[in-house]
Structures are given as C-alpha cells and as structure tokens.
N, C-alpha and C. Protein backbone atom coordinates (compact mmCIF):
# COMPACT_ATOMS: atom_id res chain seq x y z
N MET A 1 14.61 32.22 -8.92
CA MET A 1 13.92 33.20 -8.10
C MET A 1 14.79 33.65 -6.92
N SER A 2 15.77 32.80 -6.61
CA SER A 2 16.67 33.12 -5.50
C SER A 2 17.64 34.23 -5.91
N SER A 3 18.48 33.94 -6.90
CA SER A 3 19.45 34.93 -7.34
C SER A 3 19.26 35.22 -8.82
N GLY A 4 19.43 34.18 -9.65
CA GLY A 4 19.25 34.38 -11.09
C GLY A 4 19.21 33.05 -11.81
N LYS A 5 18.11 32.30 -11.61
CA LYS A 5 18.01 30.99 -12.25
C LYS A 5 16.76 30.94 -13.13
N PRO A 6 16.91 31.31 -14.41
CA PRO A 6 15.78 31.32 -15.34
C PRO A 6 15.30 29.92 -15.69
N SER A 7 16.21 28.99 -15.73
CA SER A 7 15.85 27.61 -16.09
C SER A 7 16.42 26.64 -15.07
N SER A 8 15.70 26.48 -13.97
CA SER A 8 16.18 25.58 -12.91
C SER A 8 16.13 24.14 -13.38
N THR A 9 15.10 23.84 -14.19
CA THR A 9 14.93 22.47 -14.65
C THR A 9 16.06 22.08 -15.60
N LEU A 10 16.53 23.04 -16.40
CA LEU A 10 17.60 22.75 -17.35
C LEU A 10 18.92 22.57 -16.63
N SER A 11 19.18 23.45 -15.68
CA SER A 11 20.44 23.37 -14.94
C SER A 11 20.17 23.17 -13.45
N PRO A 12 19.95 21.91 -13.06
CA PRO A 12 19.67 21.60 -11.65
C PRO A 12 20.88 21.81 -10.76
N THR A 13 22.06 21.68 -11.35
CA THR A 13 23.29 21.84 -10.57
C THR A 13 23.97 23.17 -10.92
N GLN A 14 23.14 24.14 -11.33
CA GLN A 14 23.70 25.43 -11.71
C GLN A 14 24.38 26.10 -10.50
N ARG A 15 23.67 26.08 -9.35
CA ARG A 15 24.22 26.68 -8.14
C ARG A 15 24.32 25.64 -7.04
N ILE A 16 23.18 25.16 -6.61
CA ILE A 16 23.15 24.15 -5.54
C ILE A 16 22.23 23.00 -5.95
N PRO A 17 22.73 21.76 -5.89
CA PRO A 17 21.97 20.58 -6.27
C PRO A 17 20.75 20.39 -5.38
N GLY A 18 20.87 20.78 -4.12
CA GLY A 18 19.76 20.63 -3.18
C GLY A 18 18.75 21.75 -3.35
N GLU A 19 19.24 22.99 -3.41
CA GLU A 19 18.35 24.13 -3.53
C GLU A 19 17.53 24.05 -4.80
N SER A 20 18.23 23.81 -5.94
CA SER A 20 17.54 23.75 -7.23
C SER A 20 16.51 22.63 -7.24
N ALA A 21 16.84 21.53 -6.56
CA ALA A 21 15.95 20.38 -6.52
C ALA A 21 14.61 20.76 -5.92
N TRP A 22 14.62 21.37 -4.73
CA TRP A 22 13.36 21.72 -4.09
C TRP A 22 12.70 22.89 -4.81
N THR A 23 13.51 23.79 -5.34
CA THR A 23 12.96 24.95 -6.05
C THR A 23 12.16 24.50 -7.26
N THR A 24 12.68 23.51 -7.99
CA THR A 24 11.99 23.01 -9.17
C THR A 24 10.69 22.34 -8.76
N ASN A 25 10.70 21.66 -7.63
CA ASN A 25 9.50 20.98 -7.15
C ASN A 25 8.42 22.00 -6.81
N VAL A 26 8.81 23.07 -6.16
CA VAL A 26 7.85 24.10 -5.76
C VAL A 26 7.24 24.76 -6.99
N ARG A 27 8.09 25.05 -7.97
CA ARG A 27 7.60 25.72 -9.19
C ARG A 27 6.65 24.81 -9.95
N LEU A 28 7.00 23.53 -10.03
CA LEU A 28 6.17 22.58 -10.75
C LEU A 28 5.00 22.19 -9.86
C-alpha cells in the first residue's frame, strides 16, 4: 500500500524489514 507491495506476507524483506512487519500486522 506504500509503494507497490502486493504480497507483504510473502516478501517481508522486499523493501524494509521493519515497515513490512508492521504493515502486515495492520493488514491482518
């Protein structure tokens, strides 16, 4: 939702390990 992460859960370290971590929590 930030830039272009369709599957944050699949690639937690796609961009930022911290950002993706909290982003996945919020979505779930």
